[in-house]
């Protein structure tokens, strides 16, 4: 739950104009809610959680990071042993 809360706070920090609540399944990229600056900050945050660099060009961001749930799943799949 802590990762989820951190991620939501990060996204809302860079998308404060969001009127409706941010849920785990709110489309982030495909809705246009999250733009490049937010994605960069999310990527840097994800790197700290997986313990290594993330090559943003090696996967489809809209497919793999379009919701809080998707990003958390990505972290689980790529987290180094003993990571955060």
PDB file of N, CA and C in Angstrom:
ATOM      1  N   UNK A   1       0.817  -1.198   0.000  1.00  0.00           N
ATOM      2  CA  UNK A   1       0.000   0.000   0.000  1.00  0.00           C
ATOM      3  C   UNK A   1       0.864   1.268   0.000  1.00  0.00           C
ATOM      4  N   UNK A   2       2.045   1.184   0.601  1.00  0.00           N
ATOM      5  CA  UNK A   2       2.903   2.360   0.664  1.00  0.00           C
ATOM      6  C   UNK A   2       3.343   2.792  -0.727  1.00  0.00           C
ATOM      7  N   UNK A   3       3.768   1.837  -1.573  1.00  0.00           N
ATOM      8  CA  UNK A   3       4.174   2.171  -2.942  1.00  0.00           C
ATOM      9  C   UNK A   3       3.026   2.834  -3.693  1.00  0.00           C
ATOM     10  N   UNK A   4       1.831   2.282  -3.551  1.00  0.00           N
ATOM     11  CA  UNK A   4       0.648   2.823  -4.229  1.00  0.00           C
ATOM     12  C   UNK A   4       0.431   4.283  -3.810  1.00  0.00           C
ATOM     13  N   UNK A   5       0.511   4.544  -2.526  1.00  0.00           N
ATOM     14  CA  UNK A   5       0.303   5.910  -2.026  1.00  0.00           C
ATOM     15  C   UNK A   5       1.392   6.861  -2.518  1.00  0.00           C
ATOM     16  N   UNK A   6       2.642   6.404  -2.499  1.00  0.00           N
ATOM     17  CA  UNK A   6       3.750   7.222  -3.005  1.00  0.00           C
ATOM     18  C   UNK A   6       3.537   7.570  -4.469  1.00  0.00           C
ATOM     19  N   UNK A   7       3.165   6.568  -5.260  1.00  0.00           N
ATOM     20  CA  UNK A   7       2.964   6.769  -6.695  1.00  0.00           C
ATOM     21  C   UNK A   7       1.814   7.733  -6.952  1.00  0.00           C
ATOM     22  N   UNK A   8       0.724   7.567  -6.257  1.00  0.00           N
ATOM     23  CA  UNK A   8      -0.411   8.485  -6.424  1.00  0.00           C
ATOM     24  C   UNK A   8      -0.019   9.919  -6.091  1.00  0.00           C
ATOM     25  N   UNK A   9       0.702  10.104  -4.983  1.00  0.00           N
ATOM     26  CA  UNK A   9       1.138  11.455  -4.599  1.00  0.00           C
ATOM     27  C   UNK A   9       2.034  12.063  -5.664  1.00  0.00           C
ATOM     28  N   UNK A  10       2.948  11.251  -6.207  1.00  0.00           N
ATOM     29  CA  UNK A  10       3.849  11.726  -7.249  1.00  0.00           C
ATOM     30  C   UNK A  10       3.070  12.173  -8.485  1.00  0.00           C
ATOM     31  N   UNK A  11       2.137  11.354  -8.918  1.00  0.00           N
ATOM     32  CA  UNK A  11       1.348  11.692 -10.108  1.00  0.00           C
ATOM     33  C   UNK A  11       0.531  12.950  -9.860  1.00  0.00           C
ATOM     34  N   UNK A  12      -0.116  13.044  -8.726  1.00  0.00           N
ATOM     35  CA  UNK A  12      -0.955  14.205  -8.433  1.00  0.00           C
ATOM     36  C   UNK A  12      -0.131  15.475  -8.256  1.00  0.00           C
ATOM     37  N   UNK A  13       1.115  15.327  -7.846  1.00  0.00           N
ATOM     38  CA  UNK A  13       1.988  16.489  -7.722  1.00  0.00           C
ATOM     39  C   UNK A  13       2.201  17.148  -9.082  1.00  0.00           C
ATOM     40  N   UNK A  14       2.279  16.328 -10.126  1.00  0.00           N
ATOM     41  CA  UNK A  14       2.522  16.846 -11.467  1.00  0.00           C
ATOM     42  C   UNK A  14       1.261  16.949 -12.317  1.00  0.00           C
ATOM     43  N   UNK A  15       0.119  16.517 -11.796  1.00  0.00           N
ATOM     44  CA  UNK A  15      -1.156  16.629 -12.512  1.00  0.00           C
ATOM     45  C   UNK A  15      -2.219  17.151 -11.547  1.00  0.00           C
ATOM     46  N   UNK A  16      -1.980  18.314 -10.927  1.00  0.00           N
ATOM     47  CA  UNK A  16      -2.900  18.811  -9.898  1.00  0.00           C
ATOM     48  C   UNK A  16      -4.268  19.222 -10.430  1.00  0.00           C
ATOM     49  N   UNK A  17      -4.395  19.417 -11.738  1.00  0.00           N
ATOM     50  CA  UNK A  17      -5.677  19.828 -12.309  1.00  0.00           C
ATOM     51  C   UNK A  17      -6.687  18.695 -12.391  1.00  0.00           C
ATOM     52  N   UNK A  18      -6.280  17.524 -12.004  1.00  0.00           N
ATOM     53  CA  UNK A  18      -7.159  16.351 -12.030  1.00  0.00           C
ATOM     54  C   UNK A  18      -8.366  16.606 -11.140  1.00  0.00           C
ATOM     55  N   UNK A  19      -9.565  16.574 -11.708  1.00  0.00           N
ATOM     56  CA  UNK A  19     -10.786  16.857 -10.955  1.00  0.00           C
ATOM     57  C   UNK A  19     -11.332  15.614 -10.250  1.00  0.00           C
ATOM     58  N   UNK A  20     -11.375  14.498 -10.959  1.00  0.00           N
ATOM     59  CA  UNK A  20     -11.910  13.257 -10.391  1.00  0.00           C
ATOM     60  C   UNK A  20     -10.826  12.556  -9.578  1.00  0.00           C
ATOM     61  N   UNK A  21     -11.215  11.697  -8.659  1.00  0.00           N
ATOM     62  CA  UNK A  21     -10.215  10.959  -7.875  1.00  0.00           C
ATOM     63  C   UNK A  21      -9.342  10.074  -8.760  1.00  0.00           C
ATOM     64  N   UNK A  22      -8.108   9.919  -8.361  1.00  0.00           N
ATOM     65  CA  UNK A  22      -7.179   9.043  -9.066  1.00  0.00           C
ATOM     66  C   UNK A  22      -7.312   7.653  -8.470  1.00  0.00           C
ATOM     67  N   UNK A  23      -7.807   6.721  -9.269  1.00  0.00           N
ATOM     68  CA  UNK A  23      -7.964   5.345  -8.803  1.00  0.00           C
ATOM     69  C   UNK A  23      -6.818   4.495  -9.339  1.00  0.00           C
ATOM     70  N   UNK A  24      -6.757   3.267  -8.904  1.00  0.00           N
ATOM     71  CA  UNK A  24      -5.706   2.368  -9.373  1.00  0.00           C
ATOM     72  C   UNK A  24      -5.802   2.094 -10.868  1.00  0.00           C
ATOM     73  N   UNK A  25      -6.999   2.231 -11.436  1.00  0.00           N
ATOM     74  CA  UNK A  25      -7.210   1.907 -12.852  1.00  0.00           C
ATOM     75  C   UNK A  25      -7.480   3.130 -13.729  1.00  0.00           C
ATOM     76  N   UNK A  26      -7.310   4.326 -13.188  1.00  0.00           N
ATOM     77  CA  UNK A  26      -7.476   5.540 -13.995  1.00  0.00           C
ATOM     78  C   UNK A  26      -6.454   5.541 -15.117  1.00  0.00           C
ATOM     79  N   UNK A  27      -6.893   5.692 -16.377  1.00  0.00           N
ATOM     80  CA  UNK A  27      -5.925   5.766 -17.479  1.00  0.00           C
ATOM     81  C   UNK A  27      -5.055   7.014 -17.316  1.00  0.00           C
ATOM     82  N   UNK A  28      -3.766   6.827 -17.306  1.00  0.00           N
ATOM     83  CA  UNK A  28      -2.845   7.936 -17.098  1.00  0.00           C
ATOM     84  C   UNK A  28      -2.320   8.501 -18.405  1.00  0.00           C
ATOM     85  N   UNK A  29      -1.806   7.636 -19.250  1.00  0.00           N
ATOM     86  CA  UNK A  29      -1.187   8.079 -20.502  1.00  0.00           C
ATOM     87  C   UNK A  29      -2.224   8.234 -21.600  1.00  0.00           C
ATOM     88  N   UNK A  30      -3.065   7.214 -21.784  1.00  0.00           N
ATOM     89  CA  UNK A  30      -4.033   7.258 -22.885  1.00  0.00           C
ATOM     90  C   UNK A  30      -5.074   8.354 -22.697  1.00  0.00           C
ATOM     91  N   UNK A  31      -5.284   8.796 -21.467  1.00  0.00           N
ATOM     92  CA  UNK A  31      -6.242   9.881 -21.220  1.00  0.00           C
ATOM     93  C   UNK A  31      -5.596  11.253 -21.353  1.00  0.00           C
ATOM     94  N   UNK A  32      -4.267  11.280 -21.389  1.00  0.00           N
ATOM     95  CA  UNK A  32      -3.555  12.552 -21.448  1.00  0.00           C
ATOM     96  C   UNK A  32      -3.329  13.171 -20.074  1.00  0.00           C
ATOM     97  N   UNK A  33      -3.728  12.487 -19.022  1.00  0.00           N
ATOM     98  CA  UNK A  33      -3.534  12.992 -17.661  1.00  0.00           C
ATOM     99  C   UNK A  33      -2.052  13.171 -17.349  1.00  0.00           C
ATOM    100  N   UNK A  34      -1.241  12.200 -17.779  1.00  0.00           N
ATOM    101  CA  UNK A  34       0.185  12.228 -17.491  1.00  0.00           C
ATOM    102  C   UNK A  34       0.926  12.576 -18.772  1.00  0.00           C
ATOM    103  N   UNK A  35       1.765  13.590 -18.686  1.00  0.00           N
ATOM    104  CA  UNK A  35       2.545  14.007 -19.836  1.00  0.00           C
ATOM    105  C   UNK A  35       4.020  13.723 -19.587  1.00  0.00           C
ATOM    106  N   UNK A  36       4.867  14.180 -20.464  1.00  0.00           N
ATOM    107  CA  UNK A  36       6.278  13.786 -20.442  1.00  0.00           C
ATOM    108  C   UNK A  36       6.999  14.121 -19.138  1.00  0.00           C
ATOM    109  N   UNK A  37       6.780  15.279 -18.560  1.00  0.00           N
ATOM    110  CA  UNK A  37       7.462  15.627 -17.319  1.00  0.00           C
ATOM    111  C   UNK A  37       7.055  14.679 -16.195  1.00  0.00           C
ATOM    112  N   UNK A  38       5.783  14.370 -16.118  1.00  0.00           N
ATOM    113  CA  UNK A  38       5.309  13.435 -15.098  1.00  0.00           C
ATOM    114  C   UNK A  38       5.888  12.048 -15.349  1.00  0.00           C
ATOM    115  N   UNK A  39       5.898  11.613 -16.603  1.00  0.00           N
ATOM    116  CA  UNK A  39       6.462  10.299 -16.935  1.00  0.00           C
ATOM    117  C   UNK A  39       7.938  10.215 -16.566  1.00  0.00           C
ATOM    118  N   UNK A  40       8.673  11.282 -16.794  1.00  0.00           N
ATOM    119  CA  UNK A  40      10.079  11.299 -16.424  1.00  0.00           C
ATOM    120  C   UNK A  40      10.225  11.124 -14.911  1.00  0.00           C
ATOM    121  N   UNK A  41       9.430  11.837 -14.153  1.00  0.00           N
ATOM    122  CA  UNK A  41       9.495  11.716 -12.697  1.00  0.00           C
ATOM    123  C   UNK A  41       9.039  10.345 -12.215  1.00  0.00           C
ATOM    124  N   UNK A  42       8.033   9.789 -12.860  1.00  0.00           N
ATOM    125  CA  UNK A  42       7.595   8.428 -12.520  1.00  0.00           C
ATOM    126  C   UNK A  42       8.712   7.444 -12.846  1.00  0.00           C
ATOM    127  N   UNK A  43       9.364   7.611 -13.987  1.00  0.00           N
ATOM    128  CA  UNK A  43      10.458   6.714 -14.369  1.00  0.00           C
ATOM    129  C   UNK A  43      11.599   6.771 -13.354  1.00  0.00           C
ATOM    130  N   UNK A  44      11.953   7.960 -12.916  1.00  0.00           N
ATOM    131  CA  UNK A  44      13.011   8.089 -11.913  1.00  0.00           C
ATOM    132  C   UNK A  44      12.595   7.419 -10.608  1.00  0.00           C
ATOM    133  N   UNK A  45      11.331   7.566 -10.236  1.00  0.00           N
ATOM    134  CA  UNK A  45      10.811   6.934  -9.026  1.00  0.00           C
ATOM    135  C   UNK A  45      10.838   5.411  -9.173  1.00  0.00           C
ATOM    136  N   UNK A  46      10.402   4.907 -10.332  1.00  0.00           N
ATOM    137  CA  UNK A  46      10.401   3.466 -10.585  1.00  0.00           C
ATOM    138  C   UNK A  46      11.827   2.918 -10.497  1.00  0.00           C
ATOM    139  N   UNK A  47      12.788   3.643 -11.047  1.00  0.00           N
ATOM    140  CA  UNK A  47      14.180   3.196 -10.983  1.00  0.00           C
ATOM    141  C   UNK A  47      14.642   2.996  -9.544  1.00  0.00           C
ATOM    142  N   UNK A  48      14.217   3.868  -8.644  1.00  0.00           N
ATOM    143  CA  UNK A  48      14.604   3.706  -7.240  1.00  0.00           C
ATOM    144  C   UNK A  48      13.951   2.472  -6.629  1.00  0.00           C
ATOM    145  N   UNK A  49      12.793   2.096  -7.132  1.00  0.00           N
ATOM    146  CA  UNK A  49      12.078   0.943  -6.586  1.00  0.00           C
ATOM    147  C   UNK A  49      12.576  -0.384  -7.150  1.00  0.00           C
ATOM    148  N   UNK A  50      13.009  -0.393  -8.415  1.00  0.00           N
ATOM    149  CA  UNK A  50      13.483  -1.646  -9.014  1.00  0.00           C
ATOM    150  C   UNK A  50      14.982  -1.842  -8.815  1.00  0.00           C
ATOM    151  N   UNK A  51      15.666  -0.790  -8.415  1.00  0.00           N
ATOM    152  CA  UNK A  51      17.090  -0.917  -8.133  1.00  0.00           C
ATOM    153  C   UNK A  51      17.981  -0.880  -9.352  1.00  0.00           C
ATOM    154  N   UNK A  52      17.457  -0.419 -10.489  1.00  0.00           N
ATOM    155  CA  UNK A  52      18.270  -0.299 -11.700  1.00  0.00           C
ATOM    156  C   UNK A  52      17.601   0.687 -12.650  1.00  0.00           C
ATOM    157  N   UNK A  53      18.328   1.020 -13.711  1.00  0.00           N
ATOM    158  CA  UNK A  53      17.790   1.930 -14.718  1.00  0.00           C
ATOM    159  C   UNK A  53      16.654   1.293 -15.498  1.00  0.00           C
ATOM    160  N   UNK A  54      15.773   2.139 -15.996  1.00  0.00           N
ATOM    161  CA  UNK A  54      14.641   1.683 -16.803  1.00  0.00           C
ATOM    162  C   UNK A  54      14.800   2.281 -18.192  1.00  0.00           C
ATOM    163  N   UNK A  55      14.872   1.426 -19.194  1.00  0.00           N
ATOM    164  CA  UNK A  55      14.974   1.875 -20.583  1.00  0.00           C
ATOM    165  C   UNK A  55      13.567   2.132 -21.123  1.00  0.00           C
ATOM    166  N   UNK A  56      13.148   3.385 -21.113  1.00  0.00           N
ATOM    167  CA  UNK A  56      11.782   3.727 -21.507  1.00  0.00           C
ATOM    168  C   UNK A  56      11.469   3.401 -22.962  1.00  0.00           C
ATOM    169  N   UNK A  57      12.487   3.275 -23.783  1.00  0.00           N
ATOM    170  CA  UNK A  57      12.260   2.958 -25.192  1.00  0.00           C
ATOM    171  C   UNK A  57      12.177   1.459 -25.450  1.00  0.00           C
ATOM    172  N   UNK A  58      12.378   0.653 -24.409  1.00  0.00           N
ATOM    173  CA  UNK A  58      12.381  -0.802 -24.609  1.00  0.00           C
ATOM    174  C   UNK A  58      11.006  -1.440 -24.425  1.00  0.00           C
ATOM    175  N   UNK A  59      10.002  -0.629 -24.111  1.00  0.00           N
ATOM    176  CA  UNK A  59       8.646  -1.157 -23.964  1.00  0.00           C
ATOM    177  C   UNK A  59       7.639  -0.057 -24.279  1.00  0.00           C
ATOM    178  N   UNK A  60       6.399  -0.454 -24.451  1.00  0.00           N
ATOM    179  CA  UNK A  60       5.322   0.483 -24.786  1.00  0.00           C
ATOM    180  C   UNK A  60       4.762   1.082 -23.497  1.00  0.00           C
ATOM    181  N   UNK A  61       5.126   2.342 -23.221  1.00  0.00           N
ATOM    182  CA  UNK A  61       4.681   3.008 -21.994  1.00  0.00           C
ATOM    183  C   UNK A  61       3.166   3.015 -21.853  1.00  0.00           C
ATOM    184  N   UNK A  62       2.460   3.304 -22.928  1.00  0.00           N
ATOM    185  CA  UNK A  62       0.990   3.370 -22.858  1.00  0.00           C
ATOM    186  C   UNK A  62       0.383   2.017 -22.522  1.00  0.00           C
ATOM    187  N   UNK A  63       1.045   0.951 -22.909  1.00  0.00           N
ATOM    188  CA  UNK A  63       0.525  -0.382 -22.617  1.00  0.00           C
ATOM    189  C   UNK A  63       0.914  -0.855 -21.214  1.00  0.00           C
ATOM    190  N   UNK A  64       2.132  -0.520 -20.779  1.00  0.00           N
ATOM    191  CA  UNK A  64       2.631  -1.065 -19.519  1.00  0.00           C
ATOM    192  C   UNK A  64       2.536  -0.114 -18.330  1.00  0.00           C
ATOM    193  N   UNK A  65       2.356   1.185 -18.580  1.00  0.00           N
ATOM    194  CA  UNK A  65       2.310   2.158 -17.486  1.00  0.00           C
ATOM    195  C   UNK A  65       1.057   3.027 -17.552  1.00  0.00           C
ATOM    196  N   UNK A  66      -0.046   2.523 -18.038  1.00  0.00           N
ATOM    197  CA  UNK A  66      -1.221   3.375 -18.223  1.00  0.00           C
ATOM    198  C   UNK A  66      -2.074   3.524 -16.970  1.00  0.00           C
ATOM    199  N   UNK A  67      -1.704   2.864 -15.893  1.00  0.00           N
ATOM    200  CA  UNK A  67      -2.459   3.026 -14.644  1.00  0.00           C
ATOM    201  C   UNK A  67      -1.520   2.785 -13.465  1.00  0.00           C
ATOM    202  N   UNK A  68      -1.969   3.173 -12.303  1.00  0.00           N
ATOM    203  CA  UNK A  68      -1.202   2.914 -11.085  1.00  0.00           C
ATOM    204  C   UNK A  68      -0.960   1.413 -10.951  1.00  0.00           C
ATOM    205  N   UNK A  69      -1.992   0.621 -11.187  1.00  0.00           N
ATOM    206  CA  UNK A  69      -1.857  -0.835 -11.112  1.00  0.00           C
ATOM    207  C   UNK A  69      -0.795  -1.343 -12.082  1.00  0.00           C
ATOM    208  N   UNK A  70      -0.799  -0.839 -13.307  1.00  0.00           N
ATOM    209  CA  UNK A  70       0.183  -1.259 -14.309  1.00  0.00           C
ATOM    210  C   UNK A  70       1.603  -0.938 -13.859  1.00  0.00           C
ATOM    211  N   UNK A  71       1.816   0.243 -13.306  1.00  0.00           N
ATOM    212  CA  UNK A  71       3.154   0.653 -12.878  1.00  0.00           C
ATOM    213  C   UNK A  71       3.625  -0.209 -11.709  1.00  0.00           C
ATOM    214  N   UNK A  72       2.726  -0.475 -10.767  1.00  0.00           N
ATOM    215  CA  UNK A  72       3.092  -1.324  -9.629  1.00  0.00           C
ATOM    216  C   UNK A  72       3.407  -2.748 -10.075  1.00  0.00           C
ATOM    217  N   UNK A  73       2.678  -3.248 -11.065  1.00  0.00           N
ATOM    218  CA  UNK A  73       2.954  -4.573 -11.622  1.00  0.00           C
ATOM    219  C   UNK A  73       4.325  -4.583 -12.296  1.00  0.00           C
ATOM    220  N   UNK A  74       4.642  -3.527 -13.023  1.00  0.00           N
ATOM    221  CA  UNK A  74       5.951  -3.392 -13.662  1.00  0.00           C
ATOM    222  C   UNK A  74       7.058  -3.460 -12.608  1.00  0.00           C
ATOM    223  N   UNK A  75       6.876  -2.743 -11.504  1.00  0.00           N
ATOM    224  CA  UNK A  75       7.870  -2.754 -10.432  1.00  0.00           C
ATOM    225  C   UNK A  75       8.043  -4.158  -9.883  1.00  0.00           C
ATOM    226  N   UNK A  76       6.957  -4.852  -9.643  1.00  0.00           N
ATOM    227  CA  UNK A  76       7.041  -6.221  -9.112  1.00  0.00           C
ATOM    228  C   UNK A  76       7.820  -7.133 -10.048  1.00  0.00           C
ATOM    229  N   UNK A  77       7.577  -7.007 -11.365  1.00  0.00           N
ATOM    230  CA  UNK A  77       8.235  -7.855 -12.353  1.00  0.00           C
ATOM    231  C   UNK A  77       9.725  -7.565 -12.490  1.00  0.00           C
ATOM    232  N   UNK A  78      10.115  -6.300 -12.259  1.00  0.00           N
ATOM    233  CA  UNK A  78      11.499  -5.891 -12.537  1.00  0.00           C
ATOM    234  C   UNK A  78      12.324  -5.615 -11.292  1.00  0.00           C
ATOM    235  N   UNK A  79      11.740  -5.780 -10.144  1.00  0.00           N
ATOM    236  CA  UNK A  79      12.459  -5.472  -8.909  1.00  0.00           C
ATOM    237  C   UNK A  79      13.618  -6.448  -8.677  1.00  0.00           C
ATOM    238  N   UNK A  80      14.755  -5.878  -8.359  1.00  0.00           N
ATOM    239  CA  UNK A  80      15.939  -6.695  -8.057  1.00  0.00           C
ATOM    240  C   UNK A  80      15.735  -7.408  -6.729  1.00  0.00           C
ATOM    241  N   UNK A  81      16.290  -8.586  -6.589  1.00  0.00           N
ATOM    242  CA  UNK A  81      16.193  -9.299  -5.303  1.00  0.00           C
ATOM    243  C   UNK A  81      16.698  -8.407  -4.162  1.00  0.00           C
ATOM    244  N   UNK A  82      15.899  -8.344  -3.112  1.00  0.00           N
ATOM    245  CA  UNK A  82      16.257  -7.508  -1.968  1.00  0.00           C
ATOM    246  C   UNK A  82      15.955  -6.047  -2.168  1.00  0.00           C
ATOM    247  N   UNK A  83      15.212  -5.702  -3.278  1.00  0.00           N
ATOM    248  CA  UNK A  83      14.888  -4.302  -3.562  1.00  0.00           C
ATOM    249  C   UNK A  83      13.814  -3.779  -2.637  1.00  0.00           C
ATOM    250  N   UNK A  84      13.433  -2.521  -2.878  1.00  0.00           N
ATOM    251  CA  UNK A  84      12.446  -1.844  -2.018  1.00  0.00           C
ATOM    252  C   UNK A  84      11.094  -2.472  -2.109  1.00  0.00           C
TER     253      UNK A  84
END
